[in-house]
């Protein structure tokens, strides 16, 4: 077990300042500040920002979530990233910023629910609701009988990755669209959040539920660490070598893939290997279609598991210390396969 942990900051409520931008838009477009309809979404703002604003208004003003079962979940949705955790101190991360490895992406279906969400989560909710509405609107135009987008349109089925999910993700009651277009209203978004509840919010953020999924405390239902913290944990130096922990893990996995070569060939200098490993971790975080925070195998701390559509992924151990989350990189994972341990996960 690796002992290096990366602290990711205390969860706290922040005052949201982005509505000031909306004030400026309204002022420039001559809207009356005293009009009750002034706070409704309108084409003045870009579409995605309208969705983000509508979600924030619901969560910040008498949120149905804060009045329900999860005050912590409400705080997580609005928390703003702190400045301290955005600075990369590891030399390998600095090198990665200067030199990005260009890798050929395999063709994948672009599910709207994809990638590790980052605080403030209301922005992710707004963007994904916008994407789902656009997808549903296109489907309705093609087939008038299709009122709701089936799950396979927005989330990868658990069975496709070899898992069994306790509750399949559904989006049966998306916020209504004004005049069959894609402009949201605060009232329709509030209705959706009331109907979806905590579980619906977590599903829209991409978190999945299996037998071992951690459900208490509620903060564990959310991705507990931002992308930069997870990358930093993966780029910590390995004690026994000059590789990073991710570089060491990649070297162990590189020989297993005989067909797709997901991890590539572990050759070159230590620095090159570390850069390649960091690029793989970043790709997993950006493109993950399966995110689960669960406990298995008798371990105490929950494990954050992120997987791509092809089944490859990575794991981090997560601990909570005085309301702060800390992570340590546990390694990469292979696609599920029968008798995987006996076959050494070679495929």
C-alpha atoms as a PDB file:
ATOM      1  CA  UNK A   1       0.000   0.000   0.000  1.00  0.00           C
ATOM      2  CA  UNK A   2       1.396   3.386  -0.947  1.00  0.00           C
ATOM      3  CA  UNK A   3       1.681   5.817   1.950  1.00  0.00           C
ATOM      4  CA  UNK A   4       1.823   9.079   0.022  1.00  0.00           C
ATOM      5  CA  UNK A   5      -1.494  10.889   0.189  1.00  0.00           C
ATOM      6  CA  UNK A   6      -2.639  14.061  -1.495  1.00  0.00           C
ATOM      7  CA  UNK A   7      -4.947  16.369   0.465  1.00  0.00           C
ATOM      8  CA  UNK A   8      -7.638  17.906  -1.650  1.00  0.00           C
ATOM      9  CA  UNK A   9      -9.104  20.604   0.565  1.00  0.00           C
ATOM     10  CA  UNK A  10     -11.942  21.192   2.993  1.00  0.00           C
ATOM     11  CA  UNK A  11     -15.480  21.195   1.693  1.00  0.00           C
ATOM     12  CA  UNK A  12     -17.088  24.536   2.386  1.00  0.00           C
ATOM     13  CA  UNK A  13     -19.885  26.711   1.037  1.00  0.00           C
ATOM     14  CA  UNK A  14     -18.891  29.656  -1.125  1.00  0.00           C
ATOM     15  CA  UNK A  15     -20.798  32.646  -2.402  1.00  0.00           C
ATOM     16  CA  UNK A  16     -21.255  32.320  -6.117  1.00  0.00           C
ATOM     17  CA  UNK A  17     -20.103  35.367  -8.127  1.00  0.00           C
ATOM     18  CA  UNK A  18     -20.895  34.292 -11.686  1.00  0.00           C
ATOM     19  CA  UNK A  19     -24.417  35.800 -11.540  1.00  0.00           C
ATOM     20  CA  UNK A  20     -22.630  39.166 -11.743  1.00  0.00           C
ATOM     21  CA  UNK A  21     -21.980  38.267 -15.340  1.00  0.00           C
ATOM     22  CA  UNK A  22     -25.694  37.782 -15.786  1.00  0.00           C
ATOM     23  CA  UNK A  23     -26.283  41.239 -14.276  1.00  0.00           C
ATOM     24  CA  UNK A  24     -23.977  42.699 -16.883  1.00  0.00           C
ATOM     25  CA  UNK A  25     -25.756  40.847 -19.698  1.00  0.00           C
ATOM     26  CA  UNK A  26     -29.139  42.034 -18.451  1.00  0.00           C
ATOM     27  CA  UNK A  27     -27.921  45.614 -18.134  1.00  0.00           C
ATOM     28  CA  UNK A  28     -26.481  45.611 -21.653  1.00  0.00           C
ATOM     29  CA  UNK A  29     -29.706  44.193 -23.077  1.00  0.00           C
ATOM     30  CA  UNK A  30     -31.952  46.692 -21.309  1.00  0.00           C
ATOM     31  CA  UNK A  31     -33.882  44.371 -18.983  1.00  0.00           C
ATOM     32  CA  UNK A  32     -35.753  45.815 -16.025  1.00  0.00           C
ATOM     33  CA  UNK A  33     -34.134  44.730 -12.756  1.00  0.00           C
ATOM     34  CA  UNK A  34     -37.432  44.969 -10.888  1.00  0.00           C
ATOM     35  CA  UNK A  35     -39.311  42.625 -13.161  1.00  0.00           C
ATOM     36  CA  UNK A  36     -39.910  39.178 -11.574  1.00  0.00           C
ATOM     37  CA  UNK A  37     -39.301  37.514 -14.922  1.00  0.00           C
ATOM     38  CA  UNK A  38     -35.858  39.104 -15.012  1.00  0.00           C
ATOM     39  CA  UNK A  39     -34.388  36.060 -13.266  1.00  0.00           C
ATOM     40  CA  UNK A  40     -35.746  33.618 -15.820  1.00  0.00           C
ATOM     41  CA  UNK A  41     -33.359  32.209 -18.378  1.00  0.00           C
ATOM     42  CA  UNK A  42     -33.310  33.940 -21.745  1.00  0.00           C
ATOM     43  CA  UNK A  43     -31.325  33.764 -24.981  1.00  0.00           C
ATOM     44  CA  UNK A  44     -29.122  36.635 -23.670  1.00  0.00           C
ATOM     45  CA  UNK A  45     -26.656  34.156 -22.191  1.00  0.00           C
ATOM     46  CA  UNK A  46     -25.006  31.319 -24.100  1.00  0.00           C
ATOM     47  CA  UNK A  47     -27.081  28.147 -23.890  1.00  0.00           C
ATOM     48  CA  UNK A  48     -24.796  26.156 -21.580  1.00  0.00           C
ATOM     49  CA  UNK A  49     -24.448  29.086 -19.180  1.00  0.00           C
ATOM     50  CA  UNK A  50     -28.230  29.366 -19.007  1.00  0.00           C
ATOM     51  CA  UNK A  51     -28.416  25.770 -17.824  1.00  0.00           C
ATOM     52  CA  UNK A  52     -25.602  26.341 -15.320  1.00  0.00           C
ATOM     53  CA  UNK A  53     -27.301  29.460 -13.987  1.00  0.00           C
ATOM     54  CA  UNK A  54     -30.684  27.731 -13.656  1.00  0.00           C
ATOM     55  CA  UNK A  55     -29.158  24.825 -11.713  1.00  0.00           C
ATOM     56  CA  UNK A  56     -27.250  27.192  -9.431  1.00  0.00           C
ATOM     57  CA  UNK A  57     -30.343  29.267  -8.673  1.00  0.00           C
ATOM     58  CA  UNK A  58     -32.216  26.164  -7.575  1.00  0.00           C
ATOM     59  CA  UNK A  59     -29.380  24.877  -5.386  1.00  0.00           C
ATOM     60  CA  UNK A  60     -28.467  28.236  -3.844  1.00  0.00           C
ATOM     61  CA  UNK A  61     -32.005  29.414  -3.070  1.00  0.00           C
ATOM     62  CA  UNK A  62     -33.951  27.027  -0.830  1.00  0.00           C
ATOM     63  CA  UNK A  63     -32.614  23.973  -2.596  1.00  0.00           C
ATOM     64  CA  UNK A  64     -34.862  20.930  -2.314  1.00  0.00           C
ATOM     65  CA  UNK A  65     -31.699  18.943  -1.615  1.00  0.00           C
ATOM     66  CA  UNK A  66     -30.659  21.077   1.366  1.00  0.00           C
ATOM     67  CA  UNK A  67     -34.149  20.659   2.818  1.00  0.00           C
ATOM     68  CA  UNK A  68     -34.032  16.925   2.254  1.00  0.00           C
ATOM     69  CA  UNK A  69     -31.628  14.182   3.195  1.00  0.00           C
ATOM     70  CA  UNK A  70     -28.311  15.663   2.205  1.00  0.00           C
ATOM     71  CA  UNK A  71     -26.962  19.035   3.281  1.00  0.00           C
ATOM     72  CA  UNK A  72     -23.451  17.814   2.541  1.00  0.00           C
ATOM     73  CA  UNK A  73     -24.376  16.937  -1.017  1.00  0.00           C
ATOM     74  CA  UNK A  74     -25.791  20.424  -1.491  1.00  0.00           C
ATOM     75  CA  UNK A  75     -22.528  21.967  -0.234  1.00  0.00           C
ATOM     76  CA  UNK A  76     -20.461  19.771  -2.544  1.00  0.00           C
ATOM     77  CA  UNK A  77     -22.447  20.932  -5.547  1.00  0.00           C
ATOM     78  CA  UNK A  78     -21.661  24.591  -4.901  1.00  0.00           C
ATOM     79  CA  UNK A  79     -18.094  24.360  -3.566  1.00  0.00           C
ATOM     80  CA  UNK A  80     -15.553  26.345  -5.559  1.00  0.00           C
ATOM     81  CA  UNK A  81     -12.025  24.966  -6.121  1.00  0.00           C
ATOM     82  CA  UNK A  82      -9.358  26.464  -3.876  1.00  0.00           C
ATOM     83  CA  UNK A  83      -6.264  28.049  -5.363  1.00  0.00           C
ATOM     84  CA  UNK A  84      -3.770  25.906  -3.451  1.00  0.00           C
ATOM     85  CA  UNK A  85      -4.665  22.599  -5.095  1.00  0.00           C
ATOM     86  CA  UNK A  86      -4.377  23.914  -8.626  1.00  0.00           C
ATOM     87  CA  UNK A  87      -0.583  24.231  -8.451  1.00  0.00           C
ATOM     88  CA  UNK A  88       1.437  21.261  -9.712  1.00  0.00           C
ATOM     89  CA  UNK A  89       4.698  20.772  -7.863  1.00  0.00           C
ATOM     90  CA  UNK A  90       5.849  17.483  -9.297  1.00  0.00           C
ATOM     91  CA  UNK A  91       8.556  17.807 -11.950  1.00  0.00           C
ATOM     92  CA  UNK A  92       6.914  15.192 -14.133  1.00  0.00           C
ATOM     93  CA  UNK A  93       3.687  17.215 -14.191  1.00  0.00           C
ATOM     94  CA  UNK A  94       5.639  20.277 -15.349  1.00  0.00           C
ATOM     95  CA  UNK A  95       7.162  18.230 -18.134  1.00  0.00           C
ATOM     96  CA  UNK A  96       3.723  16.909 -19.048  1.00  0.00           C
ATOM     97  CA  UNK A  97       2.425  20.462 -19.431  1.00  0.00           C
ATOM     98  CA  UNK A  98       5.218  21.259 -21.883  1.00  0.00           C
ATOM     99  CA  UNK A  99       4.992  18.055 -23.862  1.00  0.00           C
ATOM    100  CA  UNK A 100       1.629  16.386 -24.433  1.00  0.00           C
ATOM    101  CA  UNK A 101       1.744  12.969 -25.952  1.00  0.00           C
ATOM    102  CA  UNK A 102      -0.385  12.759 -29.089  1.00  0.00           C
ATOM    103  CA  UNK A 103      -2.123   9.418 -29.091  1.00  0.00           C
ATOM    104  CA  UNK A 104      -4.598   8.083 -31.581  1.00  0.00           C
ATOM    105  CA  UNK A 105      -7.980   7.721 -29.942  1.00  0.00           C
ATOM    106  CA  UNK A 106      -9.997   4.612 -30.615  1.00  0.00           C
ATOM    107  CA  UNK A 107     -13.526   5.351 -31.851  1.00  0.00           C
ATOM    108  CA  UNK A 108     -15.968   5.547 -28.964  1.00  0.00           C
ATOM    109  CA  UNK A 109     -19.551   6.627 -28.600  1.00  0.00           C
ATOM    110  CA  UNK A 110     -19.662  10.070 -27.004  1.00  0.00           C
ATOM    111  CA  UNK A 111     -21.992   9.581 -24.058  1.00  0.00           C
ATOM    112  CA  UNK A 112     -23.073  12.923 -22.532  1.00  0.00           C
ATOM    113  CA  UNK A 113     -22.231  11.531 -19.094  1.00  0.00           C
ATOM    114  CA  UNK A 114     -18.490  11.170 -19.500  1.00  0.00           C
ATOM    115  CA  UNK A 115     -15.424  12.220 -17.533  1.00  0.00           C
ATOM    116  CA  UNK A 116     -14.731  13.013 -13.893  1.00  0.00           C
ATOM    117  CA  UNK A 117     -16.856  15.999 -12.823  1.00  0.00           C
ATOM    118  CA  UNK A 118     -15.044  18.843 -11.083  1.00  0.00           C
ATOM    119  CA  UNK A 119     -16.276  21.438  -8.577  1.00  0.00           C
ATOM    120  CA  UNK A 120     -18.401  23.433  -8.668  1.00  0.00           C
ATOM    121  CA  UNK A 121     -20.600  20.520  -9.672  1.00  0.00           C
ATOM    122  CA  UNK A 122     -23.592  22.679 -10.585  1.00  0.00           C
ATOM    123  CA  UNK A 123     -21.727  23.592 -13.781  1.00  0.00           C
ATOM    124  CA  UNK A 124     -21.367  19.917 -14.665  1.00  0.00           C
ATOM    125  CA  UNK A 125     -25.069  19.362 -13.967  1.00  0.00           C
ATOM    126  CA  UNK A 126     -25.989  22.287 -16.198  1.00  0.00           C
ATOM    127  CA  UNK A 127     -23.763  21.166 -19.061  1.00  0.00           C
ATOM    128  CA  UNK A 128     -24.993  17.583 -18.951  1.00  0.00           C
ATOM    129  CA  UNK A 129     -28.644  18.540 -18.727  1.00  0.00           C
ATOM    130  CA  UNK A 130     -28.050  20.753 -21.744  1.00  0.00           C
ATOM    131  CA  UNK A 131     -26.408  17.880 -23.639  1.00  0.00           C
ATOM    132  CA  UNK A 132     -29.187  15.449 -22.710  1.00  0.00           C
ATOM    133  CA  UNK A 133     -31.838  17.896 -23.857  1.00  0.00           C
ATOM    134  CA  UNK A 134     -30.113  18.439 -27.169  1.00  0.00           C
ATOM    135  CA  UNK A 135     -29.856  14.681 -27.619  1.00  0.00           C
ATOM    136  CA  UNK A 136     -33.483  14.112 -26.675  1.00  0.00           C
ATOM    137  CA  UNK A 137     -34.640  16.967 -28.916  1.00  0.00           C
ATOM    138  CA  UNK A 138     -32.862  15.405 -31.897  1.00  0.00           C
ATOM    139  CA  UNK A 139     -34.329  11.984 -31.092  1.00  0.00           C
ATOM    140  CA  UNK A 140     -37.842  13.404 -30.856  1.00  0.00           C
ATOM    141  CA  UNK A 141     -37.477  15.066 -34.247  1.00  0.00           C
ATOM    142  CA  UNK A 142     -36.529  11.671 -35.704  1.00  0.00           C
ATOM    143  CA  UNK A 143     -39.179   9.706 -33.828  1.00  0.00           C
ATOM    144  CA  UNK A 144     -42.156  11.549 -32.333  1.00  0.00           C
ATOM    145  CA  UNK A 145     -43.018   8.551 -30.141  1.00  0.00           C
ATOM    146  CA  UNK A 146     -39.633   8.735 -28.383  1.00  0.00           C
ATOM    147  CA  UNK A 147     -40.358  11.131 -25.524  1.00  0.00           C
ATOM    148  CA  UNK A 148     -37.548  10.030 -23.227  1.00  0.00           C
ATOM    149  CA  UNK A 149     -33.994   9.147 -24.215  1.00  0.00           C
ATOM    150  CA  UNK A 150     -33.317   5.546 -23.179  1.00  0.00           C
ATOM    151  CA  UNK A 151     -30.303   4.993 -20.859  1.00  0.00           C
ATOM    152  CA  UNK A 152     -28.045   3.684 -23.627  1.00  0.00           C
ATOM    153  CA  UNK A 153     -28.090   7.132 -25.204  1.00  0.00           C
ATOM    154  CA  UNK A 154     -26.392   8.871 -22.285  1.00  0.00           C
ATOM    155  CA  UNK A 155     -24.643   6.270 -20.085  1.00  0.00           C
ATOM    156  CA  UNK A 156     -22.749   3.085 -20.833  1.00  0.00           C
ATOM    157  CA  UNK A 157     -24.658  -0.022 -19.607  1.00  0.00           C
ATOM    158  CA  UNK A 158     -23.006  -1.771 -16.666  1.00  0.00           C
ATOM    159  CA  UNK A 159     -23.244  -5.093 -18.488  1.00  0.00           C
ATOM    160  CA  UNK A 160     -21.027  -3.756 -21.278  1.00  0.00           C
ATOM    161  CA  UNK A 161     -18.188  -3.500 -18.753  1.00  0.00           C
ATOM    162  CA  UNK A 162     -18.922  -6.805 -17.055  1.00  0.00           C
ATOM    163  CA  UNK A 163     -20.582  -5.327 -13.957  1.00  0.00           C
ATOM    164  CA  UNK A 164     -23.966  -5.620 -12.302  1.00  0.00           C
ATOM    165  CA  UNK A 165     -25.536  -2.345 -11.231  1.00  0.00           C
ATOM    166  CA  UNK A 166     -28.067  -2.092  -8.422  1.00  0.00           C
ATOM    167  CA  UNK A 167     -29.920   0.798 -10.006  1.00  0.00           C
ATOM    168  CA  UNK A 168     -29.610   1.595 -13.697  1.00  0.00           C
ATOM    169  CA  UNK A 169     -29.181   5.322 -14.420  1.00  0.00           C
ATOM    170  CA  UNK A 170     -32.352   6.902 -15.764  1.00  0.00           C
ATOM    171  CA  UNK A 171     -33.343  10.410 -16.753  1.00  0.00           C
ATOM    172  CA  UNK A 172     -37.095   9.966 -17.027  1.00  0.00           C
ATOM    173  CA  UNK A 173     -38.128  13.512 -16.096  1.00  0.00           C
ATOM    174  CA  UNK A 174     -35.831  16.004 -17.751  1.00  0.00           C
ATOM    175  CA  UNK A 175     -36.688  19.698 -17.265  1.00  0.00           C
ATOM    176  CA  UNK A 176     -39.228  20.923 -19.774  1.00  0.00           C
ATOM    177  CA  UNK A 177     -38.095  23.025 -22.708  1.00  0.00           C
ATOM    178  CA  UNK A 178     -39.803  26.275 -23.622  1.00  0.00           C
ATOM    179  CA  UNK A 179     -41.475  26.164 -27.048  1.00  0.00           C
ATOM    180  CA  UNK A 180     -39.769  22.830 -27.826  1.00  0.00           C
ATOM    181  CA  UNK A 181     -36.361  24.503 -27.918  1.00  0.00           C
ATOM    182  CA  UNK A 182     -33.537  24.183 -25.445  1.00  0.00           C
ATOM    183  CA  UNK A 183     -33.880  27.237 -23.201  1.00  0.00           C
ATOM    184  CA  UNK A 184     -34.325  26.117 -19.567  1.00  0.00           C
ATOM    185  CA  UNK A 185     -36.311  27.797 -16.816  1.00  0.00           C
ATOM    186  CA  UNK A 186     -35.469  27.864 -13.131  1.00  0.00           C
ATOM    187  CA  UNK A 187     -38.885  26.418 -12.258  1.00  0.00           C
ATOM    188  CA  UNK A 188     -38.517  23.452 -14.616  1.00  0.00           C
ATOM    189  CA  UNK A 189     -35.009  22.706 -13.345  1.00  0.00           C
ATOM    190  CA  UNK A 190     -36.255  22.904  -9.750  1.00  0.00           C
ATOM    191  CA  UNK A 191     -39.022  20.435 -10.536  1.00  0.00           C
ATOM    192  CA  UNK A 192     -36.490  18.062 -12.044  1.00  0.00           C
ATOM    193  CA  UNK A 193     -34.174  18.300  -9.002  1.00  0.00           C
ATOM    194  CA  UNK A 194     -37.122  17.668  -6.673  1.00  0.00           C
ATOM    195  CA  UNK A 195     -38.064  14.563  -8.641  1.00  0.00           C
ATOM    196  CA  UNK A 196     -34.492  13.352  -9.116  1.00  0.00           C
ATOM    197  CA  UNK A 197     -33.351  13.880  -5.521  1.00  0.00           C
ATOM    198  CA  UNK A 198     -29.860  13.040  -4.332  1.00  0.00           C
ATOM    199  CA  UNK A 199     -29.708   9.803  -6.308  1.00  0.00           C
ATOM    200  CA  UNK A 200     -30.617  11.489  -9.574  1.00  0.00           C
ATOM    201  CA  UNK A 201     -28.006  14.196  -9.044  1.00  0.00           C
ATOM    202  CA  UNK A 202     -25.324  11.617  -8.342  1.00  0.00           C
ATOM    203  CA  UNK A 203     -26.318   9.644 -11.446  1.00  0.00           C
ATOM    204  CA  UNK A 204     -26.112  12.738 -13.630  1.00  0.00           C
ATOM    205  CA  UNK A 205     -22.627  13.376 -12.258  1.00  0.00           C
ATOM    206  CA  UNK A 206     -21.641   9.934 -13.505  1.00  0.00           C
ATOM    207  CA  UNK A 207     -21.433   7.975 -10.247  1.00  0.00           C
ATOM    208  CA  UNK A 208     -22.612   4.362 -10.510  1.00  0.00           C
ATOM    209  CA  UNK A 209     -23.907   1.995  -7.829  1.00  0.00           C
ATOM    210  CA  UNK A 210     -22.863  -1.599  -7.227  1.00  0.00           C
ATOM    211  CA  UNK A 211     -23.032  -3.883  -4.191  1.00  0.00           C
ATOM    212  CA  UNK A 212     -19.930  -2.334  -2.627  1.00  0.00           C
ATOM    213  CA  UNK A 213     -20.734   1.313  -3.376  1.00  0.00           C
ATOM    214  CA  UNK A 214     -20.169   3.577  -0.382  1.00  0.00           C
ATOM    215  CA  UNK A 215     -23.325   5.449   0.621  1.00  0.00           C
ATOM    216  CA  UNK A 216     -22.427   7.021   3.980  1.00  0.00           C
ATOM    217  CA  UNK A 217     -21.402   9.702   4.635  1.00  0.00           C
ATOM    218  CA  UNK A 218     -23.117  11.359   1.697  1.00  0.00           C
ATOM    219  CA  UNK A 219     -19.978  13.222   0.708  1.00  0.00           C
ATOM    220  CA  UNK A 220     -18.561   9.874  -0.410  1.00  0.00           C
ATOM    221  CA  UNK A 221     -21.241   9.626  -3.062  1.00  0.00           C
ATOM    222  CA  UNK A 222     -19.565  12.507  -4.862  1.00  0.00           C
ATOM    223  CA  UNK A 223     -16.213  12.256  -6.616  1.00  0.00           C
ATOM    224  CA  UNK A 224     -14.201  13.266  -3.529  1.00  0.00           C
ATOM    225  CA  UNK A 225     -11.192  14.686  -5.337  1.00  0.00           C
ATOM    226  CA  UNK A 226     -10.661  16.916  -8.284  1.00  0.00           C
ATOM    227  CA  UNK A 227      -8.762  15.874 -11.355  1.00  0.00           C
ATOM    228  CA  UNK A 228      -5.609  17.778 -10.419  1.00  0.00           C
ATOM    229  CA  UNK A 229      -5.395  16.002  -7.045  1.00  0.00           C
ATOM    230  CA  UNK A 230      -5.826  12.585  -8.650  1.00  0.00           C
ATOM    231  CA  UNK A 231      -3.152  13.387 -11.230  1.00  0.00           C
ATOM    232  CA  UNK A 232      -0.824  14.604  -8.508  1.00  0.00           C
ATOM    233  CA  UNK A 233      -1.297  11.372  -6.566  1.00  0.00           C
ATOM    234  CA  UNK A 234      -0.504   9.332  -9.690  1.00  0.00           C
ATOM    235  CA  UNK A 235       2.636  11.389 -10.309  1.00  0.00           C
ATOM    236  CA  UNK A 236       4.143  10.837  -6.878  1.00  0.00           C
ATOM    237  CA  UNK A 237       7.640   9.250  -7.002  1.00  0.00           C
ATOM    238  CA  UNK A 238       7.844   5.505  -6.497  1.00  0.00           C
ATOM    239  CA  UNK A 239      10.084   4.658  -3.551  1.00  0.00           C
ATOM    240  CA  UNK A 240      12.005   1.819  -5.165  1.00  0.00           C
ATOM    241  CA  UNK A 241      12.555   3.332  -8.620  1.00  0.00           C
ATOM    242  CA  UNK A 242      12.926   6.666 -10.406  1.00  0.00           C
ATOM    243  CA  UNK A 243       9.490   6.178 -11.900  1.00  0.00           C
ATOM    244  CA  UNK A 244       6.290   7.725 -10.654  1.00  0.00           C
ATOM    245  CA  UNK A 245       3.747   5.398  -9.078  1.00  0.00           C
ATOM    246  CA  UNK A 246       1.717   5.597 -12.291  1.00  0.00           C
ATOM    247  CA  UNK A 247       4.844   5.000 -14.379  1.00  0.00           C
ATOM    248  CA  UNK A 248       5.633   1.922 -12.315  1.00  0.00           C
ATOM    249  CA  UNK A 249       2.054   0.657 -12.637  1.00  0.00           C
ATOM    250  CA  UNK A 250       2.080   1.157 -16.408  1.00  0.00           C
ATOM    251  CA  UNK A 251       5.277  -0.880 -16.729  1.00  0.00           C
ATOM    252  CA  UNK A 252       3.526  -3.770 -14.979  1.00  0.00           C
ATOM    253  CA  UNK A 253       0.479  -3.596 -17.262  1.00  0.00           C
ATOM    254  CA  UNK A 254       2.141  -2.887 -20.609  1.00  0.00           C
ATOM    255  CA  UNK A 255       2.939  -6.539 -21.366  1.00  0.00           C
ATOM    256  CA  UNK A 256      -0.625  -7.758 -20.773  1.00  0.00           C
ATOM    257  CA  UNK A 257      -2.392  -6.251 -23.770  1.00  0.00           C
ATOM    258  CA  UNK A 258      -1.558  -8.288 -26.856  1.00  0.00           C
ATOM    259  CA  UNK A 259      -4.335  -6.876 -29.056  1.00  0.00           C
ATOM    260  CA  UNK A 260      -5.149  -3.249 -28.365  1.00  0.00           C
ATOM    261  CA  UNK A 261      -1.904  -2.136 -26.673  1.00  0.00           C
ATOM    262  CA  UNK A 262      -3.776   0.325 -24.467  1.00  0.00           C
ATOM    263  CA  UNK A 263      -0.759   0.919 -22.239  1.00  0.00           C
ATOM    264  CA  UNK A 264       1.669   0.981 -25.143  1.00  0.00           C
ATOM    265  CA  UNK A 265       5.199  -0.412 -24.960  1.00  0.00           C
ATOM    266  CA  UNK A 266       7.124   0.567 -21.834  1.00  0.00           C
ATOM    267  CA  UNK A 267      10.397   1.657 -23.443  1.00  0.00           C
ATOM    268  CA  UNK A 268      12.519   4.784 -23.310  1.00  0.00           C
ATOM    269  CA  UNK A 269      13.890   6.845 -20.459  1.00  0.00           C
ATOM    270  CA  UNK A 270      12.334   7.049 -17.010  1.00  0.00           C
ATOM    271  CA  UNK A 271      11.083  10.530 -17.835  1.00  0.00           C
ATOM    272  CA  UNK A 272       9.422   9.320 -21.034  1.00  0.00           C
ATOM    273  CA  UNK A 273       7.728   6.453 -19.209  1.00  0.00           C
ATOM    274  CA  UNK A 274       6.417   8.848 -16.575  1.00  0.00           C
ATOM    275  CA  UNK A 275       5.040  11.211 -19.204  1.00  0.00           C
ATOM    276  CA  UNK A 276       3.264   8.363 -20.995  1.00  0.00           C
ATOM    277  CA  UNK A 277       1.768   7.106 -17.726  1.00  0.00           C
ATOM    278  CA  UNK A 278       0.526  10.583 -16.759  1.00  0.00           C
ATOM    279  CA  UNK A 279      -1.093  10.947 -20.189  1.00  0.00           C
ATOM    280  CA  UNK A 280      -2.939   7.640 -19.678  1.00  0.00           C
ATOM    281  CA  UNK A 281      -4.220   8.746 -16.260  1.00  0.00           C
ATOM    282  CA  UNK A 282      -5.418  12.060 -17.657  1.00  0.00           C
ATOM    283  CA  UNK A 283      -7.161  10.306 -20.517  1.00  0.00           C
ATOM    284  CA  UNK A 284      -8.968   8.004 -18.097  1.00  0.00           C
ATOM    285  CA  UNK A 285     -10.166  10.941 -16.003  1.00  0.00           C
ATOM    286  CA  UNK A 286     -11.310  12.930 -19.039  1.00  0.00           C
ATOM    287  CA  UNK A 287     -13.112  10.066 -20.800  1.00  0.00           C
ATOM    288  CA  UNK A 288     -14.341   7.856 -17.946  1.00  0.00           C
ATOM    289  CA  UNK A 289     -17.829   6.443 -18.481  1.00  0.00           C
ATOM    290  CA  UNK A 290     -17.818   4.428 -15.247  1.00  0.00           C
ATOM    291  CA  UNK A 291     -17.094   6.092 -11.877  1.00  0.00           C
ATOM    292  CA  UNK A 292     -17.724   4.152  -8.689  1.00  0.00           C
ATOM    293  CA  UNK A 293     -16.671   4.771  -5.096  1.00  0.00           C
ATOM    294  CA  UNK A 294     -16.819   1.363  -3.470  1.00  0.00           C
ATOM    295  CA  UNK A 295     -15.346  -1.011  -0.916  1.00  0.00           C
ATOM    296  CA  UNK A 296     -14.273  -4.527  -1.834  1.00  0.00           C
ATOM    297  CA  UNK A 297     -11.864  -7.294  -0.873  1.00  0.00           C
ATOM    298  CA  UNK A 298     -11.889  -6.518   2.847  1.00  0.00           C
ATOM    299  CA  UNK A 299     -10.181  -3.114   2.503  1.00  0.00           C
ATOM    300  CA  UNK A 300     -11.190  -0.328   4.863  1.00  0.00           C
ATOM    301  CA  UNK A 301     -10.892   2.827   2.776  1.00  0.00           C
ATOM    302  CA  UNK A 302     -13.227   3.331  -0.184  1.00  0.00           C
ATOM    303  CA  UNK A 303     -11.686   3.071  -3.642  1.00  0.00           C
ATOM    304  CA  UNK A 304     -12.494   5.485  -6.448  1.00  0.00           C
ATOM    305  CA  UNK A 305     -12.578   3.502  -9.693  1.00  0.00           C
ATOM    306  CA  UNK A 306     -12.741   5.189 -13.100  1.00  0.00           C
ATOM    307  CA  UNK A 307     -13.048   3.163 -16.308  1.00  0.00           C
ATOM    308  CA  UNK A 308     -13.193   3.920 -20.003  1.00  0.00           C
ATOM    309  CA  UNK A 309     -15.694   2.406 -22.391  1.00  0.00           C
ATOM    310  CA  UNK A 310     -13.165  -0.294 -23.334  1.00  0.00           C
ATOM    311  CA  UNK A 311     -12.878  -1.395 -19.690  1.00  0.00           C
ATOM    312  CA  UNK A 312      -9.451   0.015 -18.869  1.00  0.00           C
ATOM    313  CA  UNK A 313      -9.180   2.321 -15.894  1.00  0.00           C
ATOM    314  CA  UNK A 314      -7.461   3.323 -12.673  1.00  0.00           C
ATOM    315  CA  UNK A 315      -8.083   3.267  -8.930  1.00  0.00           C
ATOM    316  CA  UNK A 316      -7.380   5.593  -6.021  1.00  0.00           C
ATOM    317  CA  UNK A 317      -7.813   4.908  -2.306  1.00  0.00           C
ATOM    318  CA  UNK A 318      -9.803   7.673  -0.597  1.00  0.00           C
ATOM    319  CA  UNK A 319      -9.705   8.601   3.086  1.00  0.00           C
ATOM    320  CA  UNK A 320     -11.453  11.384   4.975  1.00  0.00           C
ATOM    321  CA  UNK A 321      -9.510  13.180   7.731  1.00  0.00           C
ATOM    322  CA  UNK A 322     -11.255  16.039   9.552  1.00  0.00           C
ATOM    323  CA  UNK A 323     -13.519  16.810   6.591  1.00  0.00           C
ATOM    324  CA  UNK A 324     -10.597  16.664   4.166  1.00  0.00           C
ATOM    325  CA  UNK A 325     -10.257  13.996   1.534  1.00  0.00           C
ATOM    326  CA  UNK A 326      -6.890  12.450   0.738  1.00  0.00           C
ATOM    327  CA  UNK A 327      -6.062  10.054  -2.070  1.00  0.00           C
ATOM    328  CA  UNK A 328      -3.345   7.623  -3.006  1.00  0.00           C
ATOM    329  CA  UNK A 329      -2.950   6.007  -6.408  1.00  0.00           C
ATOM    330  CA  UNK A 330      -3.631   2.267  -6.317  1.00  0.00           C
ATOM    331  CA  UNK A 331      -2.855   1.393  -9.929  1.00  0.00           C
ATOM    332  CA  UNK A 332      -4.434   0.658 -13.289  1.00  0.00           C
ATOM    333  CA  UNK A 333      -7.142  -1.924 -13.958  1.00  0.00           C
ATOM    334  CA  UNK A 334      -7.792  -4.187 -16.933  1.00  0.00           C
ATOM    335  CA  UNK A 335     -11.136  -4.961 -18.597  1.00  0.00           C
ATOM    336  CA  UNK A 336     -13.214  -7.598 -16.840  1.00  0.00           C
ATOM    337  CA  UNK A 337     -12.656 -11.091 -18.208  1.00  0.00           C
ATOM    338  CA  UNK A 338     -13.444 -14.682 -17.146  1.00  0.00           C
ATOM    339  CA  UNK A 339     -10.670 -16.188 -14.983  1.00  0.00           C
ATOM    340  CA  UNK A 340      -8.750 -12.925 -15.158  1.00  0.00           C
ATOM    341  CA  UNK A 341      -6.512 -13.641 -12.169  1.00  0.00           C
ATOM    342  CA  UNK A 342      -5.641 -17.129 -13.393  1.00  0.00           C
ATOM    343  CA  UNK A 343      -4.728 -15.807 -16.844  1.00  0.00           C
ATOM    344  CA  UNK A 344      -2.689 -12.917 -15.461  1.00  0.00           C
ATOM    345  CA  UNK A 345      -5.144 -10.489 -17.105  1.00  0.00           C
ATOM    346  CA  UNK A 346      -3.508 -11.110 -20.468  1.00  0.00           C
ATOM    347  CA  UNK A 347      -5.913 -10.508 -23.315  1.00  0.00           C
END
